[in-house]
PDB file of N, CA and C in Angstrom:
ATOM      1  N   MET A   1    -128.578 -94.121 -63.837  1.00  0.00           N
ATOM      2  CA  MET A   1    -129.837 -93.902 -64.080  1.00  0.00           C
ATOM      3  C   MET A   1    -130.386 -94.957 -65.128  1.00  0.00           C
ATOM      4  N   ASN A   2    -131.557 -95.545 -64.686  1.00  0.00           N
ATOM      5  CA  ASN A   2    -132.206 -96.583 -65.444  1.00  0.00           C
ATOM      6  C   ASN A   2    -132.449 -96.059 -66.906  1.00  0.00           C
ATOM      7  N   ASN A   3    -132.295 -96.961 -67.881  1.00  0.00           N
ATOM      8  CA  ASN A   3    -132.549 -96.603 -69.322  1.00  0.00           C
ATOM      9  C   ASN A   3    -133.924 -96.155 -69.516  1.00  0.00           C
ATOM     10  N   ALA A   4    -134.853 -96.754 -68.892  1.00  0.00           N
ATOM     11  CA  ALA A   4    -136.302 -96.295 -69.154  1.00  0.00           C
ATOM     12  C   ALA A   4    -136.508 -94.890 -68.729  1.00  0.00           C
ATOM     13  N   TYR A   5    -135.937 -94.555 -67.425  1.00  0.00           N
ATOM     14  CA  TYR A   5    -136.080 -93.351 -66.955  1.00  0.00           C
ATOM     15  C   TYR A   5    -135.440 -92.109 -67.722  1.00  0.00           C
ATOM     16  N   PHE A   6    -134.196 -92.512 -68.360  1.00  0.00           N
ATOM     17  CA  PHE A   6    -133.484 -91.723 -69.129  1.00  0.00           C
ATOM     18  C   PHE A   6    -134.280 -91.366 -70.398  1.00  0.00           C
ATOM     19  N   SER A   7    -134.912 -92.457 -70.921  1.00  0.00           N
ATOM     20  CA  SER A   7    -135.694 -92.297 -72.223  1.00  0.00           C
ATOM     21  C   SER A   7    -136.904 -91.311 -71.882  1.00  0.00           C
ATOM     22  N   ILE A   8    -137.570 -91.509 -70.810  1.00  0.00           N
ATOM     23  CA  ILE A   8    -138.651 -90.811 -70.417  1.00  0.00           C
ATOM     24  C   ILE A   8    -138.218 -89.244 -70.357  1.00  0.00           C
ATOM     25  N   ALA A   9    -137.147 -89.117 -69.617  1.00  0.00           N
ATOM     26  CA  ALA A   9    -136.658 -87.739 -69.478  1.00  0.00           C
ATOM     27  C   ALA A   9    -136.350 -87.122 -70.763  1.00  0.00           C
ATOM     28  N   CYS A  10    -135.640 -87.708 -71.618  1.00  0.00           N
ATOM     29  CA  CYS A  10    -135.434 -87.187 -72.968  1.00  0.00           C
ATOM     30  C   CYS A  10    -136.648 -86.924 -73.747  1.00  0.00           C
ATOM     31  N   ILE A  11    -137.624 -87.824 -73.779  1.00  0.00           N
ATOM     32  CA  ILE A  11    -138.865 -87.549 -74.493  1.00  0.00           C
ATOM     33  C   ILE A  11    -139.640 -86.301 -73.835  1.00  0.00           C
ATOM     34  N   ALA A  12    -139.544 -86.209 -72.592  1.00  0.00           N
ATOM     35  CA  ALA A  12    -140.249 -85.104 -72.007  1.00  0.00           C
ATOM     36  C   ALA A  12    -139.566 -83.800 -72.217  1.00  0.00           C
ATOM     37  N   LEU A  13    -138.173 -83.758 -72.299  1.00  0.00           N
ATOM     38  CA  LEU A  13    -137.535 -82.632 -72.605  1.00  0.00           C
ATOM     39  C   LEU A  13    -137.779 -82.226 -74.101  1.00  0.00           C
ATOM     40  N   ILE A  14    -137.691 -83.192 -74.998  1.00  0.00           N
ATOM     41  CA  ILE A  14    -138.052 -82.920 -76.357  1.00  0.00           C
ATOM     42  C   ILE A  14    -139.441 -82.487 -76.548  1.00  0.00           C
ATOM     43  N   ALA A  15    -140.402 -82.981 -75.867  1.00  0.00           N
ATOM     44  CA  ALA A  15    -141.840 -82.619 -75.920  1.00  0.00           C
ATOM     45  C   ALA A  15    -141.912 -81.116 -75.417  1.00  0.00           C
ATOM     46  N   LEU A  16    -141.309 -80.761 -74.420  1.00  0.00           N
ATOM     47  CA  LEU A  16    -141.385 -79.520 -73.744  1.00  0.00           C
ATOM     48  C   LEU A  16    -140.772 -78.440 -74.757  1.00  0.00           C
ATOM     49  N   GLY A  17    -139.672 -78.925 -75.474  1.00  0.00           N
ATOM     50  CA  GLY A  17    -139.079 -77.867 -76.336  1.00  0.00           C
ATOM     51  C   GLY A  17    -139.863 -77.667 -77.634  1.00  0.00           C
ATOM     52  N   VAL A  18    -140.526 -78.805 -78.149  1.00  0.00           N
ATOM     53  CA  VAL A  18    -141.224 -78.641 -79.399  1.00  0.00           C
ATOM     54  C   VAL A  18    -142.636 -78.312 -79.189  1.00  0.00           C
ATOM     55  N   ALA A  19    -143.285 -78.528 -78.032  1.00  0.00           N
ATOM     56  CA  ALA A  19    -144.785 -78.161 -77.745  1.00  0.00           C
ATOM     57  C   ALA A  19    -145.154 -76.811 -77.999  1.00  0.00           C
ATOM     58  N   PRO A  20    -144.375 -75.761 -77.735  1.00  0.00           N
ATOM     59  CA  PRO A  20    -144.885 -74.275 -78.081  1.00  0.00           C
ATOM     60  C   PRO A  20    -144.885 -74.128 -79.588  1.00  0.00           C
ATOM     61  N   ILE A  21    -144.224 -74.878 -80.344  1.00  0.00           N
ATOM     62  CA  ILE A  21    -144.302 -74.709 -81.919  1.00  0.00           C
ATOM     63  C   ILE A  21    -145.463 -75.495 -82.366  1.00  0.00           C
ATOM     64  N   LEU A  22    -145.855 -76.596 -81.801  1.00  0.00           N
ATOM     65  CA  LEU A  22    -146.965 -77.426 -82.374  1.00  0.00           C
ATOM     66  C   LEU A  22    -148.326 -77.040 -81.697  1.00  0.00           C
ATOM     67  N   LEU A  23    -148.288 -76.270 -80.609  1.00  0.00           N
ATOM     68  CA  LEU A  23    -149.587 -76.075 -80.027  1.00  0.00           C
ATOM     69  C   LEU A  23    -150.444 -75.212 -80.917  1.00  0.00           C
ATOM     70  N   PRO A  24    -151.814 -75.474 -80.811  1.00  0.00           N
ATOM     71  CA  PRO A  24    -152.699 -74.622 -81.692  1.00  0.00           C
ATOM     72  C   PRO A  24    -152.900 -73.199 -81.174  1.00  0.00           C
ATOM     73  N   VAL A  25    -152.817 -72.288 -82.187  1.00  0.00           N
ATOM     74  CA  VAL A  25    -152.969 -70.979 -81.551  1.00  0.00           C
ATOM     75  C   VAL A  25    -154.512 -70.668 -81.367  1.00  0.00           C
ATOM     76  N   PRO A  26    -154.847 -70.121 -80.208  1.00  0.00           N
ATOM     77  CA  PRO A  26    -156.300 -70.004 -79.870  1.00  0.00           C
ATOM     78  C   PRO A  26    -156.836 -68.971 -80.839  1.00  0.00           C
ATOM     79  N   ALA A  27    -158.078 -69.251 -81.384  1.00  0.00           N
ATOM     80  CA  ALA A  27    -158.776 -68.395 -82.217  1.00  0.00           C
ATOM     81  C   ALA A  27    -159.053 -67.117 -81.439  1.00  0.00           C
ATOM     82  N   ASP A  28    -159.489 -67.143 -80.282  1.00  0.00           N
ATOM     83  CA  ASP A  28    -159.760 -66.078 -79.386  1.00  0.00           C
ATOM     84  C   ASP A  28    -158.785 -66.063 -78.274  1.00  0.00           C
ATOM     85  N   LYS A  29    -158.431 -65.002 -77.733  1.00  0.00           N
ATOM     86  CA  LYS A  29    -157.685 -64.941 -76.592  1.00  0.00           C
ATOM     87  C   LYS A  29    -158.360 -65.671 -75.327  1.00  0.00           C
ATOM     88  N   LEU A  30    -157.693 -66.385 -74.583  1.00  0.00           N
ATOM     89  CA  LEU A  30    -158.195 -67.155 -73.474  1.00  0.00           C
ATOM     90  C   LEU A  30    -158.899 -66.261 -72.513  1.00  0.00           C
ATOM     91  N   GLN A  31    -160.025 -66.567 -72.103  1.00  0.00           N
ATOM     92  CA  GLN A  31    -160.722 -65.738 -71.088  1.00  0.00           C
ATOM     93  C   GLN A  31    -160.734 -66.313 -69.753  1.00  0.00           C
ATOM     94  N   TYR A  32    -159.668 -66.066 -68.941  1.00  0.00           N
ATOM     95  CA  TYR A  32    -159.588 -66.651 -67.555  1.00  0.00           C
ATOM     96  C   TYR A  32    -160.617 -65.896 -66.643  1.00  0.00           C
ATOM     97  N   PRO A  33    -161.141 -66.462 -65.707  1.00  0.00           N
ATOM     98  CA  PRO A  33    -162.025 -65.871 -64.837  1.00  0.00           C
ATOM     99  C   PRO A  33    -161.325 -64.751 -64.046  1.00  0.00           C
ATOM    100  N   THR A  34    -161.979 -63.685 -63.700  1.00  0.00           N
ATOM    101  CA  THR A  34    -161.388 -62.705 -62.851  1.00  0.00           C
ATOM    102  C   THR A  34    -161.201 -63.254 -61.415  1.00  0.00           C
ATOM    103  N   THR A  35    -160.171 -62.697 -60.880  1.00  0.00           N
ATOM    104  CA  THR A  35    -159.801 -63.182 -59.506  1.00  0.00           C
ATOM    105  C   THR A  35    -159.854 -62.055 -58.558  1.00  0.00           C
ATOM    106  N   LYS A  36    -160.774 -62.199 -57.529  1.00  0.00           N
ATOM    107  CA  LYS A  36    -160.931 -61.047 -56.685  1.00  0.00           C
ATOM    108  C   LYS A  36    -159.700 -60.882 -55.796  1.00  0.00           C
ATOM    109  N   ARG A  37    -159.420 -59.709 -55.408  1.00  0.00           N
ATOM    110  CA  ARG A  37    -158.382 -59.467 -54.350  1.00  0.00           C
ATOM    111  C   ARG A  37    -158.948 -58.931 -53.216  1.00  0.00           C
ATOM    112  N   ILE A  38    -158.414 -59.271 -52.086  1.00  0.00           N
ATOM    113  CA  ILE A  38    -158.886 -58.734 -50.790  1.00  0.00           C
ATOM    114  C   ILE A  38    -157.838 -57.872 -50.111  1.00  0.00           C
ATOM    115  N   ASP A  39    -158.152 -57.206 -49.070  1.00  0.00           N
ATOM    116  CA  ASP A  39    -157.297 -56.412 -48.523  1.00  0.00           C
ATOM    117  C   ASP A  39    -156.753 -57.180 -47.180  1.00  0.00           C
ATOM    118  N   GLN A  40    -155.912 -58.014 -47.427  1.00  0.00           N
ATOM    119  CA  GLN A  40    -155.238 -58.822 -46.283  1.00  0.00           C
ATOM    120  C   GLN A  40    -153.823 -58.522 -46.246  1.00  0.00           C
ATOM    121  N   VAL A  41    -153.290 -58.171 -45.110  1.00  0.00           N
ATOM    122  CA  VAL A  41    -151.931 -57.790 -44.892  1.00  0.00           C
ATOM    123  C   VAL A  41    -151.556 -58.383 -43.701  1.00  0.00           C
ATOM    124  N   ASP A  42    -150.461 -59.238 -43.762  1.00  0.00           N
ATOM    125  CA  ASP A  42    -149.800 -59.898 -42.521  1.00  0.00           C
ATOM    126  C   ASP A  42    -148.661 -59.133 -42.087  1.00  0.00           C
ATOM    127  N   MET A  43    -148.291 -59.291 -40.849  1.00  0.00           N
ATOM    128  CA  MET A  43    -147.050 -58.617 -40.284  1.00  0.00           C
ATOM    129  C   MET A  43    -146.006 -59.768 -39.892  1.00  0.00           C
ATOM    130  N   TYR A  44    -144.915 -59.833 -40.497  1.00  0.00           N
ATOM    131  CA  TYR A  44    -143.984 -60.903 -40.295  1.00  0.00           C
ATOM    132  C   TYR A  44    -142.671 -60.061 -39.886  1.00  0.00           C
ATOM    133  N   PHE A  45    -142.188 -60.323 -38.704  1.00  0.00           N
ATOM    134  CA  PHE A  45    -141.059 -59.666 -38.107  1.00  0.00           C
ATOM    135  C   PHE A  45    -140.976 -58.194 -38.434  1.00  0.00           C
ATOM    136  N   GLY A  46    -141.996 -57.496 -38.287  1.00  0.00           N
ATOM    137  CA  GLY A  46    -142.109 -56.111 -38.400  1.00  0.00           C
ATOM    138  C   GLY A  46    -142.294 -55.544 -39.961  1.00  0.00           C
ATOM    139  N   VAL A  47    -142.511 -56.482 -40.842  1.00  0.00           N
ATOM    140  CA  VAL A  47    -142.712 -56.217 -42.192  1.00  0.00           C
ATOM    141  C   VAL A  47    -144.070 -56.569 -42.640  1.00  0.00           C
ATOM    142  N   GLN A  48    -144.701 -55.597 -43.358  1.00  0.00           N
ATOM    143  CA  GLN A  48    -146.173 -55.905 -43.763  1.00  0.00           C
ATOM    144  C   GLN A  48    -145.948 -56.537 -45.035  1.00  0.00           C
ATOM    145  N   VAL A  49    -146.758 -57.743 -45.169  1.00  0.00           N
ATOM    146  CA  VAL A  49    -146.722 -58.482 -46.372  1.00  0.00           C
ATOM    147  C   VAL A  49    -148.182 -58.649 -46.745  1.00  0.00           C
ATOM    148  N   PRO A  50    -148.523 -58.188 -47.976  1.00  0.00           N
ATOM    149  CA  PRO A  50    -149.856 -58.170 -48.450  1.00  0.00           C
ATOM    150  C   PRO A  50    -150.050 -59.629 -49.014  1.00  0.00           C
ATOM    151  N   ASP A  51    -151.365 -60.113 -48.805  1.00  0.00           N
ATOM    152  CA  ASP A  51    -151.723 -61.469 -49.274  1.00  0.00           C
ATOM    153  C   ASP A  51    -153.273 -61.373 -49.874  1.00  0.00           C
ATOM    154  N   PRO A  52    -153.293 -60.747 -50.994  1.00  0.00           N
ATOM    155  CA  PRO A  52    -154.554 -60.433 -51.476  1.00  0.00           C
ATOM    156  C   PRO A  52    -155.389 -61.684 -51.978  1.00  0.00           C
ATOM    157  N   TYR A  53    -154.674 -62.897 -52.001  1.00  0.00           N
ATOM    158  CA  TYR A  53    -155.355 -64.067 -52.479  1.00  0.00           C
ATOM    159  C   TYR A  53    -155.549 -65.103 -51.415  1.00  0.00           C
ATOM    160  N   ARG A  54    -155.486 -64.531 -50.114  1.00  0.00           N
ATOM    161  CA  ARG A  54    -155.663 -65.491 -48.920  1.00  0.00           C
ATOM    162  C   ARG A  54    -156.998 -66.225 -49.087  1.00  0.00           C
ATOM    163  N   TRP A  55    -157.996 -65.724 -49.629  1.00  0.00           N
ATOM    164  CA  TRP A  55    -159.328 -66.457 -49.693  1.00  0.00           C
ATOM    165  C   TRP A  55    -159.227 -67.774 -50.488  1.00  0.00           C
ATOM    166  N   LEU A  56    -158.187 -67.710 -51.389  1.00  0.00           N
ATOM    167  CA  LEU A  56    -158.123 -69.079 -52.151  1.00  0.00           C
ATOM    168  C   LEU A  56    -157.448 -70.221 -51.399  1.00  0.00           C
ATOM    169  N   GLU A  57    -156.952 -69.944 -50.263  1.00  0.00           N
ATOM    170  CA  GLU A  57    -156.266 -71.051 -49.498  1.00  0.00           C
ATOM    171  C   GLU A  57    -157.267 -71.889 -48.752  1.00  0.00           C
ATOM    172  N   ASP A  58    -158.512 -71.538 -48.768  1.00  0.00           N
ATOM    173  CA  ASP A  58    -159.594 -72.517 -48.160  1.00  0.00           C
ATOM    174  C   ASP A  58    -160.106 -73.142 -49.301  1.00  0.00           C
ATOM    175  N   GLU A  59    -159.598 -74.365 -49.621  1.00  0.00           N
ATOM    176  CA  GLU A  59    -160.077 -75.126 -50.785  1.00  0.00           C
ATOM    177  C   GLU A  59    -161.424 -75.733 -50.747  1.00  0.00           C
ATOM    178  N   ASN A  60    -162.063 -75.714 -49.526  1.00  0.00           N
ATOM    179  CA  ASN A  60    -163.445 -76.203 -49.312  1.00  0.00           C
ATOM    180  C   ASN A  60    -164.477 -75.130 -49.363  1.00  0.00           C
ATOM    181  N   ALA A  61    -164.083 -73.914 -49.474  1.00  0.00           N
ATOM    182  CA  ALA A  61    -165.008 -72.744 -49.581  1.00  0.00           C
ATOM    183  C   ALA A  61    -165.635 -72.774 -50.744  1.00  0.00           C
ATOM    184  N   PRO A  62    -167.034 -72.626 -50.924  1.00  0.00           N
ATOM    185  CA  PRO A  62    -167.712 -72.605 -52.236  1.00  0.00           C
ATOM    186  C   PRO A  62    -167.200 -71.655 -53.212  1.00  0.00           C
ATOM    187  N   GLU A  63    -166.658 -70.619 -52.813  1.00  0.00           N
ATOM    188  CA  GLU A  63    -166.280 -69.501 -53.641  1.00  0.00           C
ATOM    189  C   GLU A  63    -164.923 -70.050 -54.336  1.00  0.00           C
ATOM    190  N   THR A  64    -164.056 -70.631 -53.612  1.00  0.00           N
ATOM    191  CA  THR A  64    -162.966 -71.240 -54.024  1.00  0.00           C
ATOM    192  C   THR A  64    -163.167 -72.289 -55.159  1.00  0.00           C
ATOM    193  N   LYS A  65    -164.163 -73.160 -54.788  1.00  0.00           N
ATOM    194  CA  LYS A  65    -164.506 -74.263 -55.736  1.00  0.00           C
ATOM    195  C   LYS A  65    -164.991 -73.770 -56.884  1.00  0.00           C
ATOM    196  N   THR A  66    -165.817 -72.608 -56.922  1.00  0.00           N
ATOM    197  CA  THR A  66    -166.348 -72.097 -58.220  1.00  0.00           C
ATOM    198  C   THR A  66    -165.205 -71.548 -58.945  1.00  0.00           C
ATOM    199  N   TRP A  67    -164.257 -70.781 -58.284  1.00  0.00           N
ATOM    200  CA  TRP A  67    -163.204 -70.196 -59.062  1.00  0.00           C
ATOM    201  C   TRP A  67    -162.239 -71.399 -59.720  1.00  0.00           C
ATOM    202  N   VAL A  68    -161.978 -72.498 -58.980  1.00  0.00           N
ATOM    203  CA  VAL A  68    -161.186 -73.628 -59.595  1.00  0.00           C
ATOM    204  C   VAL A  68    -162.052 -74.107 -60.849  1.00  0.00           C
ATOM    205  N   GLU A  69    -163.285 -74.337 -60.756  1.00  0.00           N
ATOM    206  CA  GLU A  69    -163.967 -74.982 -61.790  1.00  0.00           C
ATOM    207  C   GLU A  69    -163.944 -73.990 -63.118  1.00  0.00           C
ATOM    208  N   GLU A  70    -163.943 -72.615 -62.806  1.00  0.00           N
ATOM    209  CA  GLU A  70    -163.932 -71.770 -63.949  1.00  0.00           C
ATOM    210  C   GLU A  70    -162.621 -71.775 -64.574  1.00  0.00           C
ATOM    211  N   GLN A  71    -161.504 -71.792 -63.809  1.00  0.00           N
ATOM    212  CA  GLN A  71    -160.217 -71.944 -64.162  1.00  0.00           C
ATOM    213  C   GLN A  71    -160.046 -73.323 -65.175  1.00  0.00           C
ATOM    214  N   ASN A  72    -160.583 -74.291 -64.662  1.00  0.00           N
ATOM    215  CA  ASN A  72    -160.479 -75.629 -65.243  1.00  0.00           C
ATOM    216  C   ASN A  72    -161.210 -75.572 -66.591  1.00  0.00           C
ATOM    217  N   LYS A  73    -162.255 -74.902 -66.776  1.00  0.00           N
ATOM    218  CA  LYS A  73    -162.972 -74.807 -68.019  1.00  0.00           C
ATOM    219  C   LYS A  73    -162.120 -74.098 -69.096  1.00  0.00           C
ATOM    220  N   ALA A  74    -161.533 -72.999 -68.570  1.00  0.00           N
ATOM    221  CA  ALA A  74    -160.551 -72.194 -69.485  1.00  0.00           C
ATOM    222  C   ALA A  74    -159.394 -73.099 -70.019  1.00  0.00           C
ATOM    223  N   THR A  75    -158.660 -73.738 -68.929  1.00  0.00           N
ATOM    224  CA  THR A  75    -157.564 -74.507 -69.167  1.00  0.00           C
ATOM    225  C   THR A  75    -157.794 -75.799 -70.113  1.00  0.00           C
ATOM    226  N   PHE A  76    -158.711 -76.567 -69.664  1.00  0.00           N
ATOM    227  CA  PHE A  76    -158.989 -77.790 -70.396  1.00  0.00           C
ATOM    228  C   PHE A  76    -159.797 -77.629 -71.736  1.00  0.00           C
ATOM    229  N   GLY A  77    -160.376 -76.299 -71.818  1.00  0.00           N
ATOM    230  CA  GLY A  77    -160.987 -75.981 -73.118  1.00  0.00           C
ATOM    231  C   GLY A  77    -159.932 -75.830 -74.188  1.00  0.00           C
ATOM    232  N   TYR A  78    -158.761 -75.312 -73.747  1.00  0.00           N
ATOM    233  CA  TYR A  78    -157.618 -75.053 -74.555  1.00  0.00           C
ATOM    234  C   TYR A  78    -156.857 -76.452 -74.762  1.00  0.00           C
ATOM    235  N   LEU A  79    -156.622 -77.160 -73.781  1.00  0.00           N
ATOM    236  CA  LEU A  79    -155.841 -78.339 -73.846  1.00  0.00           C
ATOM    237  C   LEU A  79    -156.594 -79.304 -74.717  1.00  0.00           C
ATOM    238  N   ASP A  80    -157.945 -79.403 -74.671  1.00  0.00           N
ATOM    239  CA  ASP A  80    -158.680 -80.417 -75.400  1.00  0.00           C
ATOM    240  C   ASP A  80    -158.528 -80.109 -76.910  1.00  0.00           C
ATOM    241  N   LYS A  81    -158.072 -78.951 -77.351  1.00  0.00           N
ATOM    242  CA  LYS A  81    -158.088 -78.783 -78.800  1.00  0.00           C
ATOM    243  C   LYS A  81    -156.690 -79.133 -79.381  1.00  0.00           C
ATOM    244  N   ILE A  82    -155.804 -79.662 -78.628  1.00  0.00           N
ATOM    245  CA  ILE A  82    -154.337 -80.151 -79.046  1.00  0.00           C
ATOM    246  C   ILE A  82    -154.712 -81.577 -79.596  1.00  0.00           C
ATOM    247  N   PRO A  83    -154.575 -81.730 -81.020  1.00  0.00           N
ATOM    248  CA  PRO A  83    -154.883 -82.980 -81.558  1.00  0.00           C
ATOM    249  C   PRO A  83    -154.051 -84.089 -81.191  1.00  0.00           C
ATOM    250  N   TYR A  84    -152.842 -83.943 -80.815  1.00  0.00           N
ATOM    251  CA  TYR A  84    -151.982 -85.136 -80.593  1.00  0.00           C
ATOM    252  C   TYR A  84    -151.838 -85.464 -79.010  1.00  0.00           C
ATOM    253  N   ARG A  85    -152.608 -84.756 -78.142  1.00  0.00           N
ATOM    254  CA  ARG A  85    -152.558 -84.860 -76.682  1.00  0.00           C
ATOM    255  C   ARG A  85    -152.693 -86.222 -76.187  1.00  0.00           C
ATOM    256  N   ARG A  86    -153.650 -86.991 -76.756  1.00  0.00           N
ATOM    257  CA  ARG A  86    -153.972 -88.380 -76.415  1.00  0.00           C
ATOM    258  C   ARG A  86    -152.829 -89.362 -76.696  1.00  0.00           C
ATOM    259  N   ARG A  87    -152.267 -89.156 -77.925  1.00  0.00           N
ATOM    260  CA  ARG A  87    -151.188 -89.893 -78.358  1.00  0.00           C
ATOM    261  C   ARG A  87    -150.061 -89.753 -77.467  1.00  0.00           C
ATOM    262  N   VAL A  88    -149.646 -88.473 -77.026  1.00  0.00           N
ATOM    263  CA  VAL A  88    -148.522 -88.190 -76.071  1.00  0.00           C
ATOM    264  C   VAL A  88    -148.650 -88.986 -74.853  1.00  0.00           C
ATOM    265  N   LYS A  89    -150.062 -88.810 -74.332  1.00  0.00           N
ATOM    266  CA  LYS A  89    -150.461 -89.449 -73.000  1.00  0.00           C
ATOM    267  C   LYS A  89    -150.276 -90.787 -73.034  1.00  0.00           C
ATOM    268  N   SER A  90    -150.740 -91.623 -74.112  1.00  0.00           N
ATOM    269  CA  SER A  90    -150.673 -92.931 -74.336  1.00  0.00           C
ATOM    270  C   SER A  90    -149.180 -93.386 -74.333  1.00  0.00           C
ATOM    271  N   ARG A  91    -148.362 -92.683 -74.991  1.00  0.00           N
ATOM    272  CA  ARG A  91    -146.927 -93.080 -75.223  1.00  0.00           C
ATOM    273  C   ARG A  91    -146.215 -93.083 -73.875  1.00  0.00           C
ATOM    274  N   LEU A  92    -146.504 -91.905 -73.105  1.00  0.00           N
ATOM    275  CA  LEU A  92    -145.743 -91.683 -71.828  1.00  0.00           C
ATOM    276  C   LEU A  92    -146.310 -92.764 -70.863  1.00  0.00           C
ATOM    277  N   GLU A  93    -147.525 -93.233 -70.961  1.00  0.00           N
ATOM    278  CA  GLU A  93    -147.998 -94.319 -70.086  1.00  0.00           C
ATOM    279  C   GLU A  93    -147.358 -95.628 -70.467  1.00  0.00           C
ATOM    280  N   GLN A  94    -147.099 -95.851 -71.616  1.00  0.00           N
ATOM    281  CA  GLN A  94    -146.545 -97.078 -72.147  1.00  0.00           C
ATOM    282  C   GLN A  94    -144.991 -97.139 -71.578  1.00  0.00           C
ATOM    283  N   LEU A  95    -144.362 -95.874 -71.589  1.00  0.00           N
ATOM    284  CA  LEU A  95    -142.875 -95.894 -71.148  1.00  0.00           C
ATOM    285  C   LEU A  95    -142.926 -96.081 -69.567  1.00  0.00           C
ATOM    286  N   VAL A  96    -143.730 -95.473 -68.864  1.00  0.00           N
ATOM    287  CA  VAL A  96    -143.802 -95.572 -67.430  1.00  0.00           C
ATOM    288  C   VAL A  96    -144.336 -96.831 -66.920  1.00  0.00           C
ATOM    289  N   ASN A  97    -145.383 -97.395 -67.492  1.00  0.00           N
ATOM    290  CA  ASN A  97    -145.875 -98.628 -66.930  1.00  0.00           C
ATOM    291  C   ASN A  97    -145.356 -99.910 -67.454  1.00  0.00           C
ATOM    292  N   PHE A  98    -144.136-100.235 -66.879  1.00  0.00           N
ATOM    293  CA  PHE A  98    -143.523-101.413 -67.378  1.00  0.00           C
ATOM    294  C   PHE A  98    -143.293-102.348 -66.036  1.00  0.00           C
ATOM    295  N   PRO A  99    -143.199-103.661 -66.315  1.00  0.00           N
ATOM    296  CA  PRO A  99    -142.957-104.498 -65.145  1.00  0.00           C
ATOM    297  C   PRO A  99    -141.615-104.129 -64.397  1.00  0.00           C
ATOM    298  N   ARG A 100    -141.706-104.168 -63.145  1.00  0.00           N
ATOM    299  CA  ARG A 100    -140.523-103.750 -62.421  1.00  0.00           C
ATOM    300  C   ARG A 100    -140.201-104.913 -61.422  1.00  0.00           C
TER     301      ARG A 100
END
């Protein structure tokens, strides 16, 4: 394994282990958008399999696009509050973007 890749893997593992301790505690509980459920049931080899989120499979549907936008607002609203996020991104880019 290349030393650079090994270093990146070590940093990523450390970051994943330390991140829960360093993440900001949200002042309010995150408010994710509600996700509708539909009555979709498929039959596979004689077994009924419910698929209540089938409507999300059409990524071009306006309803799906709206749902994704609302999810992104909740997610990035939280991620943007992490003070060291840009530094981690910058450092990982430095480690990955080297002459090959």
